[in-house]
Full PDB file with SEQRES, HELIX, SHEET, SSBOND, CRYST1, ORIGX, SCALE, CONECT and MASTER records, all heavy atoms in Angstrom:
SEQRES   1 A   39  THR PHE TRP HIS PHE SER ASP LEU HIS PHE ARG THR THR          
SEQRES   2 A   39  ASP ASP PHE ASP ARG ALA ARG VAL LEU THR ALA LEU TRP          
SEQRES   3 A   39  ASN ASP VAL ARG ARG GLN ILE ASP GLU GLY LEU ILE PRO          
HELIX    1 AA1 ARG A   18  ASP A   34  1                                  17    
CRYST1    1.000    1.000    1.000  90.00  90.00  90.00 P 1           1          
ORIGX1      1.000000  0.000000  0.000000        0.00000                         
ORIGX2      0.000000  1.000000  0.000000        0.00000                         
ORIGX3      0.000000  0.000000  1.000000        0.00000                         
SCALE1      1.000000  0.000000  0.000000        0.00000                         
SCALE2      0.000000  1.000000  0.000000        0.00000                         
SCALE3      0.000000  0.000000  1.000000        0.00000                         
ATOM      1  N   THR A   1     -29.073   1.727 -33.337  1.00  0.00           N  
ATOM      2  CA  THR A   1     -28.899   2.448 -32.081  1.00  0.00           C  
ATOM      3  C   THR A   1     -29.113   1.497 -30.913  1.00  0.00           C  
ATOM      4  O   THR A   1     -30.047   0.703 -30.922  1.00  0.00           O  
ATOM      5  CB  THR A   1     -29.920   3.601 -31.986  1.00  0.00           C  
ATOM      6  OG1 THR A   1     -29.733   4.470 -33.099  1.00  0.00           O  
ATOM      7  CG2 THR A   1     -29.734   4.382 -30.705  1.00  0.00           C  
ATOM      8  N   PHE A   2     -28.211   1.569 -29.932  1.00  0.00           N  
ATOM      9  CA  PHE A   2     -28.423   0.761 -28.733  1.00  0.00           C  
ATOM     10  C   PHE A   2     -28.047   1.562 -27.497  1.00  0.00           C  
ATOM     11  O   PHE A   2     -27.234   2.473 -27.545  1.00  0.00           O  
ATOM     12  CB  PHE A   2     -27.654  -0.565 -28.790  1.00  0.00           C  
ATOM     13  CG  PHE A   2     -26.162  -0.435 -28.733  1.00  0.00           C  
ATOM     14  CD1 PHE A   2     -25.494  -0.492 -27.522  1.00  0.00           C  
ATOM     15  CD2 PHE A   2     -25.417  -0.271 -29.892  1.00  0.00           C  
ATOM     16  CE1 PHE A   2     -24.116  -0.381 -27.473  1.00  0.00           C  
ATOM     17  CE2 PHE A   2     -24.046  -0.156 -29.839  1.00  0.00           C  
ATOM     18  CZ  PHE A   2     -23.386  -0.215 -28.630  1.00  0.00           C  
ATOM     19  N   TRP A   3     -28.697   1.203 -26.397  1.00  0.00           N  
ATOM     20  CA  TRP A   3     -28.363   1.756 -25.091  1.00  0.00           C  
ATOM     21  C   TRP A   3     -27.729   0.642 -24.287  1.00  0.00           C  
ATOM     22  O   TRP A   3     -28.206  -0.491 -24.294  1.00  0.00           O  
ATOM     23  CB  TRP A   3     -29.598   2.268 -24.360  1.00  0.00           C  
ATOM     24  CG  TRP A   3     -30.157   3.537 -24.937  1.00  0.00           C  
ATOM     25  CD1 TRP A   3     -29.494   4.456 -25.678  1.00  0.00           C  
ATOM     26  CD2 TRP A   3     -31.489   4.001 -24.823  1.00  0.00           C  
ATOM     27  NE1 TRP A   3     -30.331   5.481 -26.022  1.00  0.00           N  
ATOM     28  CE2 TRP A   3     -31.567   5.230 -25.506  1.00  0.00           C  
ATOM     29  CE3 TRP A   3     -32.623   3.519 -24.199  1.00  0.00           C  
ATOM     30  CZ2 TRP A   3     -32.734   5.969 -25.581  1.00  0.00           C  
ATOM     31  CZ3 TRP A   3     -33.788   4.259 -24.276  1.00  0.00           C  
ATOM     32  CH2 TRP A   3     -33.832   5.468 -24.962  1.00  0.00           C  
ATOM     33  N   HIS A   4     -26.663   0.964 -23.592  1.00  0.00           N  
ATOM     34  CA  HIS A   4     -25.943  -0.026 -22.806  1.00  0.00           C  
ATOM     35  C   HIS A   4     -25.838   0.462 -21.368  1.00  0.00           C  
ATOM     36  O   HIS A   4     -25.252   1.504 -21.097  1.00  0.00           O  
ATOM     37  CB  HIS A   4     -24.544  -0.236 -23.403  1.00  0.00           C  
ATOM     38  CG  HIS A   4     -23.744  -1.243 -22.660  1.00  0.00           C  
ATOM     39  ND1 HIS A   4     -22.365  -1.245 -22.687  1.00  0.00           N  
ATOM     40  CD2 HIS A   4     -24.101  -2.288 -21.880  1.00  0.00           C  
ATOM     41  CE1 HIS A   4     -21.918  -2.247 -21.935  1.00  0.00           C  
ATOM     42  NE2 HIS A   4     -22.968  -2.881 -21.440  1.00  0.00           N  
ATOM     43  N   PHE A   5     -26.426  -0.286 -20.464  1.00  0.00           N  
ATOM     44  CA  PHE A   5     -26.354   0.001 -19.039  1.00  0.00           C  
ATOM     45  C   PHE A   5     -25.524  -1.109 -18.413  1.00  0.00           C  
ATOM     46  O   PHE A   5     -25.812  -2.291 -18.605  1.00  0.00           O  
ATOM     47  CB  PHE A   5     -27.754   0.019 -18.409  1.00  0.00           C  
ATOM     48  CG  PHE A   5     -28.680   1.013 -19.056  1.00  0.00           C  
ATOM     49  CD1 PHE A   5     -29.577   0.612 -20.036  1.00  0.00           C  
ATOM     50  CD2 PHE A   5     -28.646   2.341 -18.698  1.00  0.00           C  
ATOM     51  CE1 PHE A   5     -30.434   1.520 -20.636  1.00  0.00           C  
ATOM     52  CE2 PHE A   5     -29.502   3.268 -19.289  1.00  0.00           C  
ATOM     53  CZ  PHE A   5     -30.389   2.851 -20.269  1.00  0.00           C  
ATOM     54  N   SER A   6     -24.502  -0.756 -17.667  1.00  0.00           N  
ATOM     55  CA  SER A   6     -23.584  -1.775 -17.159  1.00  0.00           C  
ATOM     56  C   SER A   6     -23.244  -1.544 -15.692  1.00  0.00           C  
ATOM     57  O   SER A   6     -23.132  -0.398 -15.232  1.00  0.00           O  
ATOM     58  CB  SER A   6     -22.301  -1.767 -17.990  1.00  0.00           C  
ATOM     59  OG  SER A   6     -21.432  -2.783 -17.556  1.00  0.00           O  
ATOM     60  N   ASP A   7     -23.056  -2.653 -14.997  1.00  0.00           N  
ATOM     61  CA  ASP A   7     -22.577  -2.642 -13.606  1.00  0.00           C  
ATOM     62  C   ASP A   7     -23.394  -1.715 -12.716  1.00  0.00           C  
ATOM     63  O   ASP A   7     -22.880  -0.766 -12.125  1.00  0.00           O  
ATOM     64  CB  ASP A   7     -21.089  -2.281 -13.560  1.00  0.00           C  
ATOM     65  CG  ASP A   7     -20.245  -3.356 -14.212  1.00  0.00           C  
ATOM     66  OD1 ASP A   7     -20.301  -4.505 -13.733  1.00  0.00           O  
ATOM     67  OD2 ASP A   7     -19.556  -3.063 -15.197  1.00  0.00           O  
ATOM     68  N   LEU A   8     -24.665  -2.023 -12.584  1.00  0.00           N  
ATOM     69  CA  LEU A   8     -25.574  -1.190 -11.802  1.00  0.00           C  
ATOM     70  C   LEU A   8     -25.349  -1.331 -10.300  1.00  0.00           C  
ATOM     71  O   LEU A   8     -25.573  -0.393  -9.548  1.00  0.00           O  
ATOM     72  CB  LEU A   8     -27.021  -1.540 -12.152  1.00  0.00           C  
ATOM     73  CG  LEU A   8     -27.359  -1.361 -13.633  1.00  0.00           C  
ATOM     74  CD1 LEU A   8     -28.742  -1.916 -13.928  1.00  0.00           C  
ATOM     75  CD2 LEU A   8     -27.241   0.089 -14.043  1.00  0.00           C  
ATOM     76  N   HIS A   9     -24.938  -2.506  -9.856  1.00  0.00           N  
ATOM     77  CA  HIS A   9     -24.572  -2.755  -8.455  1.00  0.00           C  
ATOM     78  C   HIS A   9     -25.634  -2.291  -7.455  1.00  0.00           C  
ATOM     79  O   HIS A   9     -25.336  -1.560  -6.511  1.00  0.00           O  
ATOM     80  CB  HIS A   9     -23.229  -2.102  -8.107  1.00  0.00           C  
ATOM     81  CG  HIS A   9     -22.075  -2.732  -8.797  1.00  0.00           C  
ATOM     82  ND1 HIS A   9     -21.406  -3.816  -8.277  1.00  0.00           N  
ATOM     83  CD2 HIS A   9     -21.473  -2.440  -9.976  1.00  0.00           C  
ATOM     84  CE1 HIS A   9     -20.436  -4.165  -9.108  1.00  0.00           C  
ATOM     85  NE2 HIS A   9     -20.455  -3.349 -10.143  1.00  0.00           N  
ATOM     86  N   PHE A  10     -26.865  -2.726  -7.648  1.00  0.00           N  
ATOM     87  CA  PHE A  10     -27.912  -2.391  -6.681  1.00  0.00           C  
ATOM     88  C   PHE A  10     -27.605  -3.034  -5.341  1.00  0.00           C  
ATOM     89  O   PHE A  10     -27.168  -4.170  -5.270  1.00  0.00           O  
ATOM     90  CB  PHE A  10     -29.278  -2.867  -7.185  1.00  0.00           C  
ATOM     91  CG  PHE A  10     -29.939  -1.874  -8.084  1.00  0.00           C  
ATOM     92  CD1 PHE A  10     -29.659  -1.857  -9.438  1.00  0.00           C  
ATOM     93  CD2 PHE A  10     -30.833  -0.949  -7.577  1.00  0.00           C  
ATOM     94  CE1 PHE A  10     -30.264  -0.935 -10.277  1.00  0.00           C  
ATOM     95  CE2 PHE A  10     -31.440  -0.026  -8.404  1.00  0.00           C  
ATOM     96  CZ  PHE A  10     -31.158  -0.018  -9.755  1.00  0.00           C  
ATOM     97  N   ARG A  11     -27.823  -2.282  -4.272  1.00  0.00           N  
ATOM     98  CA  ARG A  11     -27.642  -2.763  -2.907  1.00  0.00           C  
ATOM     99  C   ARG A  11     -28.955  -2.586  -2.157  1.00  0.00           C  
ATOM    100  O   ARG A  11     -29.825  -1.836  -2.593  1.00  0.00           O  
ATOM    101  CB  ARG A  11     -26.567  -1.944  -2.181  1.00  0.00           C  
ATOM    102  CG  ARG A  11     -25.219  -1.992  -2.827  1.00  0.00           C  
ATOM    103  CD  ARG A  11     -24.279  -1.082  -2.108  1.00  0.00           C  
ATOM    104  NE  ARG A  11     -23.447  -1.904  -1.226  1.00  0.00           N  
ATOM    105  CZ  ARG A  11     -22.381  -1.469  -0.617  1.00  0.00           C  
ATOM    106  NH1 ARG A  11     -22.023  -0.212  -0.720  1.00  0.00           N  
ATOM    107  NH2 ARG A  11     -21.678  -2.270   0.130  1.00  0.00           N  
ATOM    108  N   THR A  12     -29.053  -3.243  -1.026  1.00  0.00           N  
ATOM    109  CA  THR A  12     -30.253  -3.037  -0.212  1.00  0.00           C  
ATOM    110  C   THR A  12     -30.195  -1.686   0.488  1.00  0.00           C  
ATOM    111  O   THR A  12     -31.222  -1.092   0.783  1.00  0.00           O  
ATOM    112  CB  THR A  12     -30.423  -4.169   0.821  1.00  0.00           C  
ATOM    113  OG1 THR A  12     -29.218  -4.306   1.564  1.00  0.00           O  
ATOM    114  CG2 THR A  12     -30.747  -5.481   0.131  1.00  0.00           C  
ATOM    115  N   THR A  13     -29.000  -1.185   0.758  1.00  0.00           N  
ATOM    116  CA  THR A  13     -28.820   0.161   1.311  1.00  0.00           C  
ATOM    117  C   THR A  13     -27.730   0.852   0.505  1.00  0.00           C  
ATOM    118  O   THR A  13     -26.841   0.206  -0.046  1.00  0.00           O  
ATOM    119  CB  THR A  13     -28.391   0.126   2.781  1.00  0.00           C  
ATOM    120  OG1 THR A  13     -27.157  -0.581   2.897  1.00  0.00           O  
ATOM    121  CG2 THR A  13     -29.439  -0.547   3.641  1.00  0.00           C  
ATOM    122  N   ASP A  14     -27.813   2.156   0.428  1.00  0.00           N  
ATOM    123  CA  ASP A  14     -26.831   2.930  -0.340  1.00  0.00           C  
ATOM    124  C   ASP A  14     -26.295   4.067   0.511  1.00  0.00           C  
ATOM    125  O   ASP A  14     -26.995   4.603   1.362  1.00  0.00           O  
ATOM    126  CB  ASP A  14     -27.473   3.536  -1.594  1.00  0.00           C  
ATOM    127  CG  ASP A  14     -27.812   2.492  -2.632  1.00  0.00           C  
ATOM    128  OD1 ASP A  14     -26.979   1.605  -2.875  1.00  0.00           O  
ATOM    129  OD2 ASP A  14     -28.905   2.572  -3.203  1.00  0.00           O  
ATOM    130  N   ASP A  15     -25.063   4.462   0.228  1.00  0.00           N  
ATOM    131  CA  ASP A  15     -24.513   5.633   0.891  1.00  0.00           C  
ATOM    132  C   ASP A  15     -24.555   6.849  -0.038  1.00  0.00           C  
ATOM    133  O   ASP A  15     -23.839   7.808   0.143  1.00  0.00           O  
ATOM    134  CB  ASP A  15     -23.085   5.361   1.391  1.00  0.00           C  
ATOM    135  CG  ASP A  15     -22.194   4.756   0.330  1.00  0.00           C  
ATOM    136  OD1 ASP A  15     -22.675   4.484  -0.783  1.00  0.00           O  
ATOM    137  OD2 ASP A  15     -21.004   4.552   0.621  1.00  0.00           O  
ATOM    138  N   PHE A  16     -25.427   6.781  -1.041  1.00  0.00           N  
ATOM    139  CA  PHE A  16     -25.677   7.925  -1.904  1.00  0.00           C  
ATOM    140  C   PHE A  16     -27.154   7.896  -2.286  1.00  0.00           C  
ATOM    141  O   PHE A  16     -27.851   6.914  -2.031  1.00  0.00           O  
ATOM    142  CB  PHE A  16     -24.774   7.912  -3.149  1.00  0.00           C  
ATOM    143  CG  PHE A  16     -25.140   6.857  -4.156  1.00  0.00           C  
ATOM    144  CD1 PHE A  16     -25.912   7.174  -5.254  1.00  0.00           C  
ATOM    145  CD2 PHE A  16     -24.704   5.544  -4.017  1.00  0.00           C  
ATOM    146  CE1 PHE A  16     -26.253   6.205  -6.195  1.00  0.00           C  
ATOM    147  CE2 PHE A  16     -25.035   4.579  -4.952  1.00  0.00           C  
ATOM    148  CZ  PHE A  16     -25.811   4.909  -6.031  1.00  0.00           C  
ATOM    149  N   ASP A  17     -27.636   8.946  -2.889  1.00  0.00           N  
ATOM    150  CA  ASP A  17     -29.049   9.060  -3.243  1.00  0.00           C  
ATOM    151  C   ASP A  17     -29.291   8.423  -4.609  1.00  0.00           C  
ATOM    152  O   ASP A  17     -29.250   9.089  -5.639  1.00  0.00           O  
ATOM    153  CB  ASP A  17     -29.462  10.531  -3.231  1.00  0.00           C  
ATOM    154  CG  ASP A  17     -30.958  10.725  -3.396  1.00  0.00           C  
ATOM    155  OD1 ASP A  17     -31.682   9.725  -3.611  1.00  0.00           O  
ATOM    156  OD2 ASP A  17     -31.391  11.885  -3.299  1.00  0.00           O  
ATOM    157  N   ARG A  18     -29.525   7.109  -4.607  1.00  0.00           N  
ATOM    158  CA  ARG A  18     -29.738   6.380  -5.856  1.00  0.00           C  
ATOM    159  C   ARG A  18     -30.942   6.932  -6.626  1.00  0.00           C  
ATOM    160  O   ARG A  18     -30.920   7.005  -7.852  1.00  0.00           O  
ATOM    161  CB  ARG A  18     -29.924   4.890  -5.596  1.00  0.00           C  
ATOM    162  CG  ARG A  18     -30.081   4.067  -6.870  1.00  0.00           C  
ATOM    163  CD  ARG A  18     -30.155   2.584  -6.598  1.00  0.00           C  
ATOM    164  NE  ARG A  18     -28.978   2.077  -5.928  1.00  0.00           N  
ATOM    165  CZ  ARG A  18     -27.866   1.689  -6.556  1.00  0.00           C  
ATOM    166  NH1 ARG A  18     -27.774   1.786  -7.849  1.00  0.00           N  
ATOM    167  NH2 ARG A  18     -26.849   1.234  -5.873  1.00  0.00           N  
ATOM    168  N   ALA A  19     -31.998   7.336  -5.921  1.00  0.00           N  
ATOM    169  CA  ALA A  19     -33.185   7.865  -6.590  1.00  0.00           C  
ATOM    170  C   ALA A  19     -32.839   9.096  -7.426  1.00  0.00           C  
ATOM    171  O   ALA A  19     -33.354   9.270  -8.528  1.00  0.00           O  
ATOM    172  CB  ALA A  19     -34.264   8.206  -5.570  1.00  0.00           C  
ATOM    173  N   ARG A  20     -31.942   9.916  -6.923  1.00  0.00           N  
ATOM    174  CA  ARG A  20     -31.536  11.120  -7.672  1.00  0.00           C  
ATOM    175  C   ARG A  20     -30.822  10.730  -8.972  1.00  0.00           C  
ATOM    176  O   ARG A  20     -31.058  11.309 -10.031  1.00  0.00           O  
ATOM    177  CB  ARG A  20     -30.618  11.967  -6.793  1.00  0.00           C  
ATOM    178  CG  ARG A  20     -30.212  13.243  -7.411  1.00  0.00           C  
ATOM    179  CD  ARG A  20     -29.394  14.057  -6.441  1.00  0.00           C  
ATOM    180  NE  ARG A  20     -29.142  15.363  -7.011  1.00  0.00           N  
ATOM    181  CZ  ARG A  20     -28.656  16.368  -6.353  1.00  0.00           C  
ATOM    182  NH1 ARG A  20     -28.367  16.244  -5.080  1.00  0.00           N  
ATOM    183  NH2 ARG A  20     -28.431  17.518  -6.941  1.00  0.00           N  
ATOM    184  N   VAL A  21     -29.959   9.742  -8.878  1.00  0.00           N  
ATOM    185  CA  VAL A  21     -29.218   9.283 -10.063  1.00  0.00           C  
ATOM    186  C   VAL A  21     -30.174   8.651 -11.072  1.00  0.00           C  
ATOM    187  O   VAL A  21     -30.121   8.947 -12.273  1.00  0.00           O  
ATOM    188  CB  VAL A  21     -28.105   8.290  -9.653  1.00  0.00           C  
ATOM    189  CG1 VAL A  21     -27.436   7.690 -10.869  1.00  0.00           C  
ATOM    190  CG2 VAL A  21     -27.093   8.974  -8.753  1.00  0.00           C  
ATOM    191  N   LEU A  22     -31.059   7.765 -10.599  1.00  0.00           N  
ATOM    192  CA  LEU A  22     -31.988   7.096 -11.506  1.00  0.00           C  
ATOM    193  C   LEU A  22     -32.972   8.082 -12.128  1.00  0.00           C  
ATOM    194  O   LEU A  22     -33.319   7.953 -13.304  1.00  0.00           O  
ATOM    195  CB  LEU A  22     -32.736   5.976 -10.778  1.00  0.00           C  
ATOM    196  CG  LEU A  22     -31.889   4.761 -10.414  1.00  0.00           C  
ATOM    197  CD1 LEU A  22     -32.703   3.769  -9.594  1.00  0.00           C  
ATOM    198  CD2 LEU A  22     -31.314   4.093 -11.652  1.00  0.00           C  
ATOM    199  N   THR A  23     -33.409   9.070 -11.370  1.00  0.00           N  
ATOM    200  CA  THR A  23     -34.304  10.086 -11.923  1.00  0.00           C  
ATOM    201  C   THR A  23     -33.623  10.840 -13.057  1.00  0.00           C  
ATOM    202  O   THR A  23     -34.214  11.068 -14.114  1.00  0.00           O  
ATOM    203  CB  THR A  23     -34.767  11.061 -10.820  1.00  0.00           C  
ATOM    204  OG1 THR A  23     -35.515  10.323  -9.849  1.00  0.00           O  
ATOM    205  CG2 THR A  23     -35.623  12.178 -11.385  1.00  0.00           C  
ATOM    206  N   ALA A  24     -32.374  11.219 -12.861  1.00  0.00           N  
ATOM    207  CA  ALA A  24     -31.626  11.912 -13.917  1.00  0.00           C  
ATOM    208  C   ALA A  24     -31.469  11.009 -15.145  1.00  0.00           C  
ATOM    209  O   ALA A  24     -31.616  11.470 -16.283  1.00  0.00           O  
ATOM    210  CB  ALA A  24     -30.265  12.349 -13.395  1.00  0.00           C  
ATOM    211  N   LEU A  25     -31.179   9.738 -14.912  1.00  0.00           N  
ATOM    212  CA  LEU A  25     -31.037   8.796 -16.032  1.00  0.00           C  
ATOM    213  C   LEU A  25     -32.333   8.683 -16.814  1.00  0.00           C  
ATOM    214  O   LEU A  25     -32.351   8.805 -18.040  1.00  0.00           O  
ATOM    215  CB  LEU A  25     -30.607   7.418 -15.510  1.00  0.00           C  
ATOM    216  CG  LEU A  25     -30.615   6.298 -16.555  1.00  0.00           C  
ATOM    217  CD1 LEU A  25     -29.555   6.547 -17.624  1.00  0.00           C  
ATOM    218  CD2 LEU A  25     -30.402   4.953 -15.876  1.00  0.00           C  
ATOM    219  N   TRP A  26     -33.452   8.443 -16.100  1.00  0.00           N  
ATOM    220  CA  TRP A  26     -34.731   8.273 -16.800  1.00  0.00           C  
ATOM    221  C   TRP A  26     -35.184   9.563 -17.465  1.00  0.00           C  
ATOM    222  O   TRP A  26     -35.814   9.525 -18.528  1.00  0.00           O  
ATOM    223  CB  TRP A  26     -35.790   7.731 -15.855  1.00  0.00           C  
ATOM    224  CG  TRP A  26     -35.502   6.322 -15.436  1.00  0.00           C  
ATOM    225  CD1 TRP A  26     -35.471   5.838 -14.163  1.00  0.00           C  
ATOM    226  CD2 TRP A  26     -35.168   5.205 -16.272  1.00  0.00           C  
ATOM    227  NE1 TRP A  26     -35.141   4.501 -14.170  1.00  0.00           N  
ATOM    228  CE2 TRP A  26     -34.946   4.090 -15.450  1.00  0.00           C  
ATOM    229  CE3 TRP A  26     -35.011   5.047 -17.645  1.00  0.00           C  
ATOM    230  CZ2 TRP A  26     -34.601   2.840 -15.950  1.00  0.00           C  
ATOM    231  CZ3 TRP A  26     -34.658   3.801 -18.148  1.00  0.00           C  
ATOM    232  CH2 TRP A  26     -34.457   2.717 -17.304  1.00  0.00           C  
ATOM    233  N   ASN A  27     -34.869  10.717 -16.901  1.00  0.00           N  
ATOM    234  CA  ASN A  27     -35.185  11.982 -17.567  1.00  0.00           C  
ATOM    235  C   ASN A  27     -34.434  12.095 -18.888  1.00  0.00           C  
ATOM    236  O   ASN A  27     -34.982  12.555 -19.889  1.00  0.00           O  
ATOM    237  CB  ASN A  27     -34.867  13.173 -16.671  1.00  0.00           C  
ATOM    238  CG  ASN A  27     -35.872  13.346 -15.551  1.00  0.00           C  
ATOM    239  OD1 ASN A  27     -36.990  12.812 -15.611  1.00  0.00           O  
ATOM    240  ND2 ASN A  27     -35.497  14.071 -14.512  1.00  0.00           N  
ATOM    241  N   ASP A  28     -33.176  11.671 -18.900  1.00  0.00           N  
ATOM    242  CA  ASP A  28     -32.393  11.711 -20.137  1.00  0.00           C  
ATOM    243  C   ASP A  28     -32.933  10.715 -21.164  1.00  0.00           C  
ATOM    244  O   ASP A  28     -33.022  11.027 -22.353  1.00  0.00           O  
ATOM    245  CB  ASP A  28     -30.916  11.426 -19.840  1.00  0.00           C  
ATOM    246  CG  ASP A  28     -30.046  11.649 -21.056  1.00  0.00           C  
ATOM    247  OD1 ASP A  28     -30.155  12.719 -21.683  1.00  0.00           O  
ATOM    248  OD2 ASP A  28     -29.272  10.736 -21.401  1.00  0.00           O  
ATOM    249  N   VAL A  29     -33.313   9.532 -20.699  1.00  0.00           N  
ATOM    250  CA  VAL A  29     -33.900   8.538 -21.611  1.00  0.00           C  
ATOM    251  C   VAL A  29     -35.181   9.101 -22.237  1.00  0.00           C  
ATOM    252  O   VAL A  29     -35.376   9.020 -23.451  1.00  0.00           O  
ATOM    253  CB  VAL A  29     -34.167   7.210 -20.866  1.00  0.00           C  
ATOM    254  CG1 VAL A  29     -35.074   6.302 -21.659  1.00  0.00           C  
ATOM    255  CG2 VAL A  29     -32.850   6.509 -20.543  1.00  0.00           C  
ATOM    256  N   ARG A  30     -36.048   9.682 -21.400  1.00  0.00           N  
ATOM    257  CA  ARG A  30     -37.291  10.270 -21.924  1.00  0.00           C  
ATOM    258  C   ARG A  30     -37.004  11.386 -22.933  1.00  0.00           C  
ATOM    259  O   ARG A  30     -37.662  11.499 -23.966  1.00  0.00           O  
ATOM    260  CB  ARG A  30     -38.142  10.823 -20.788  1.00  0.00           C  
ATOM    261  CG  ARG A  30     -38.917   9.776 -20.060  1.00  0.00           C  
ATOM    262  CD  ARG A  30     -39.895  10.411 -19.048  1.00  0.00           C  
ATOM    263  NE  ARG A  30     -40.069   9.509 -17.948  1.00  0.00           N  
ATOM    264  CZ  ARG A  30     -39.402   9.534 -16.797  1.00  0.00           C  
ATOM    265  NH1 ARG A  30     -38.513  10.472 -16.573  1.00  0.00           N  
ATOM    266  NH2 ARG A  30     -39.621   8.646 -15.863  1.00  0.00           N  
ATOM    267  N   ARG A  31     -36.010  12.230 -22.631  1.00  0.00           N  
ATOM    268  CA  ARG A  31     -35.655  13.326 -23.543  1.00  0.00           C  
ATOM    269  C   ARG A  31     -35.213  12.773 -24.884  1.00  0.00           C  
ATOM    270  O   ARG A  31     -35.625  13.271 -25.941  1.00  0.00           O  
ATOM    271  CB  ARG A  31     -34.543  14.187 -22.929  1.00  0.00           C  
ATOM    272  CG  ARG A  31     -34.112  15.350 -23.827  1.00  0.00           C  
ATOM    273  CD  ARG A  31     -32.851  16.020 -23.299  1.00  0.00           C  
ATOM    274  NE  ARG A  31     -31.733  15.115 -23.142  1.00  0.00           N  
ATOM    275  CZ  ARG A  31     -30.970  14.652 -24.143  1.00  0.00           C  
ATOM    276  NH1 ARG A  31     -31.233  14.994 -25.391  1.00  0.00           N  
ATOM    277  NH2 ARG A  31     -29.960  13.843 -23.900  1.00  0.00           N  
ATOM    278  N   GLN A  32     -34.380  11.752 -24.862  1.00  0.00           N  
ATOM    279  CA  GLN A  32     -33.901  11.170 -26.114  1.00  0.00           C  
ATOM    280  C   GLN A  32     -35.052  10.573 -26.925  1.00  0.00           C  
ATOM    281  O   GLN A  32     -35.104  10.731 -28.150  1.00  0.00           O  
ATOM    282  CB  GLN A  32     -32.838  10.108 -25.828  1.00  0.00           C  
ATOM    283  CG  GLN A  32     -31.544  10.712 -25.316  1.00  0.00           C  
ATOM    284  CD  GLN A  32     -30.465   9.687 -25.135  1.00  0.00           C  
ATOM    285  OE1 GLN A  32     -30.244   8.854 -26.000  1.00  0.00           O  
ATOM    286  NE2 GLN A  32     -29.782   9.732 -23.997  1.00  0.00           N  
ATOM    287  N   ILE A  33     -35.970   9.901 -26.239  1.00  0.00           N  
ATOM    288  CA  ILE A  33     -37.128   9.338 -26.939  1.00  0.00           C  
ATOM    289  C   ILE A  33     -37.986  10.459 -27.521  1.00  0.00           C  
ATOM    290  O   ILE A  33     -38.422  10.382 -28.678  1.00  0.00           O  
ATOM    291  CB  ILE A  33     -37.942   8.437 -26.003  1.00  0.00           C  
ATOM    292  CG1 ILE A  33     -37.148   7.162 -25.687  1.00  0.00           C  
ATOM    293  CG2 ILE A  33     -39.298   8.095 -26.602  1.00  0.00           C  
ATOM    294  CD1 ILE A  33     -37.746   6.290 -24.610  1.00  0.00           C  
ATOM    295  N   ASP A  34     -38.208  11.507 -26.744  1.00  0.00           N  
ATOM    296  CA  ASP A  34     -38.991  12.654 -27.223  1.00  0.00           C  
ATOM    297  C   ASP A  34     -38.357  13.299 -28.443  1.00  0.00           C  
ATOM    298  O   ASP A  34     -39.055  13.854 -29.297  1.00  0.00           O  
ATOM    299  CB  ASP A  34     -39.167  13.697 -26.119  1.00  0.00           C  
ATOM    300  CG  ASP A  34     -40.103  13.238 -25.013  1.00  0.00           C  
ATOM    301  OD1 ASP A  34     -40.832  12.235 -25.207  1.00  0.00           O  
ATOM    302  OD2 ASP A  34     -40.083  13.874 -23.930  1.00  0.00           O  
ATOM    303  N   GLU A  35     -37.029  13.233 -28.535  1.00  0.00           N  
ATOM    304  CA  GLU A  35     -36.315  13.801 -29.674  1.00  0.00           C  
ATOM    305  C   GLU A  35     -36.219  12.819 -30.838  1.00  0.00           C  
ATOM    306  O   GLU A  35     -35.582  13.107 -31.849  1.00  0.00           O  
ATOM    307  CB  GLU A  35     -34.919  14.245 -29.241  1.00  0.00           C  
ATOM    308  CG  GLU A  35     -34.953  15.434 -28.291  1.00  0.00           C  
ATOM    309  CD  GLU A  35     -33.588  15.823 -27.758  1.00  0.00           C  
ATOM    310  OE1 GLU A  35     -32.571  15.174 -28.119  1.00  0.00           O  
ATOM    311  OE2 GLU A  35     -33.520  16.784 -26.964  1.00  0.00           O  
ATOM    312  N   GLY A  36     -36.850  11.651 -30.697  1.00  0.00           N  
ATOM    313  CA  GLY A  36     -36.918  10.703 -31.806  1.00  0.00           C  
ATOM    314  C   GLY A  36     -35.889   9.588 -31.779  1.00  0.00           C  
ATOM    315  O   GLY A  36     -35.827   8.784 -32.705  1.00  0.00           O  
ATOM    316  N   LEU A  37     -35.077   9.515 -30.745  1.00  0.00           N  
ATOM    317  CA  LEU A  37     -34.071   8.456 -30.667  1.00  0.00           C  
ATOM    318  C   LEU A  37     -34.686   7.243 -29.985  1.00  0.00           C  
ATOM    319  O   LEU A  37     -34.912   7.235 -28.784  1.00  0.00           O  
ATOM    320  CB  LEU A  37     -32.844   8.919 -29.889  1.00  0.00           C  
ATOM    321  CG  LEU A  37     -31.730   7.884 -29.748  1.00  0.00           C  
ATOM    322  CD1 LEU A  37     -31.149   7.532 -31.107  1.00  0.00           C  
ATOM    323  CD2 LEU A  37     -30.647   8.387 -28.831  1.00  0.00           C  
ATOM    324  N   ILE A  38     -34.977   6.236 -30.757  1.00  0.00           N  
ATOM    325  CA  ILE A  38     -35.534   4.992 -30.245  1.00  0.00           C  
ATOM    326  C   ILE A  38     -34.487   3.900 -30.471  1.00  0.00           C  
ATOM    327  O   ILE A  38     -34.091   3.641 -31.599  1.00  0.00           O  
ATOM    328  CB  ILE A  38     -36.843   4.611 -30.971  1.00  0.00           C  
ATOM    329  CG1 ILE A  38     -37.832   5.770 -30.962  1.00  0.00           C  
ATOM    330  CG2 ILE A  38     -37.439   3.343 -30.380  1.00  0.00           C  
ATOM    331  CD1 ILE A  38     -38.322   6.169 -29.587  1.00  0.00           C  
ATOM    332  N   PRO A  39     -34.010   3.265 -29.389  1.00  0.00           N  
ATOM    333  CA  PRO A  39     -32.960   2.266 -29.568  1.00  0.00           C  
ATOM    334  C   PRO A  39     -33.496   0.994 -30.230  1.00  0.00           C  
ATOM    335  O   PRO A  39     -34.642   0.605 -30.020  1.00  0.00           O  
ATOM    336  CB  PRO A  39     -32.503   1.973 -28.140  1.00  0.00           C  
ATOM    337  CG  PRO A  39     -33.702   2.249 -27.308  1.00  0.00           C  
ATOM    338  CD  PRO A  39     -34.395   3.399 -27.983  1.00  0.00           C  
TER     339      PRO A  39                                                      
MASTER        0    0    0    1    0    0    0    6  338    1    0    3          
END                                                                             
């Protein structure tokens, strides 16, 4: 099992709510780990 994160394109300023996107991503990662999926 592997997780692949690509082309993150971090900027010093964003025209969208990056924190909202990253929070959703990390919540999904935590859920998968809680369900036993360890990459």
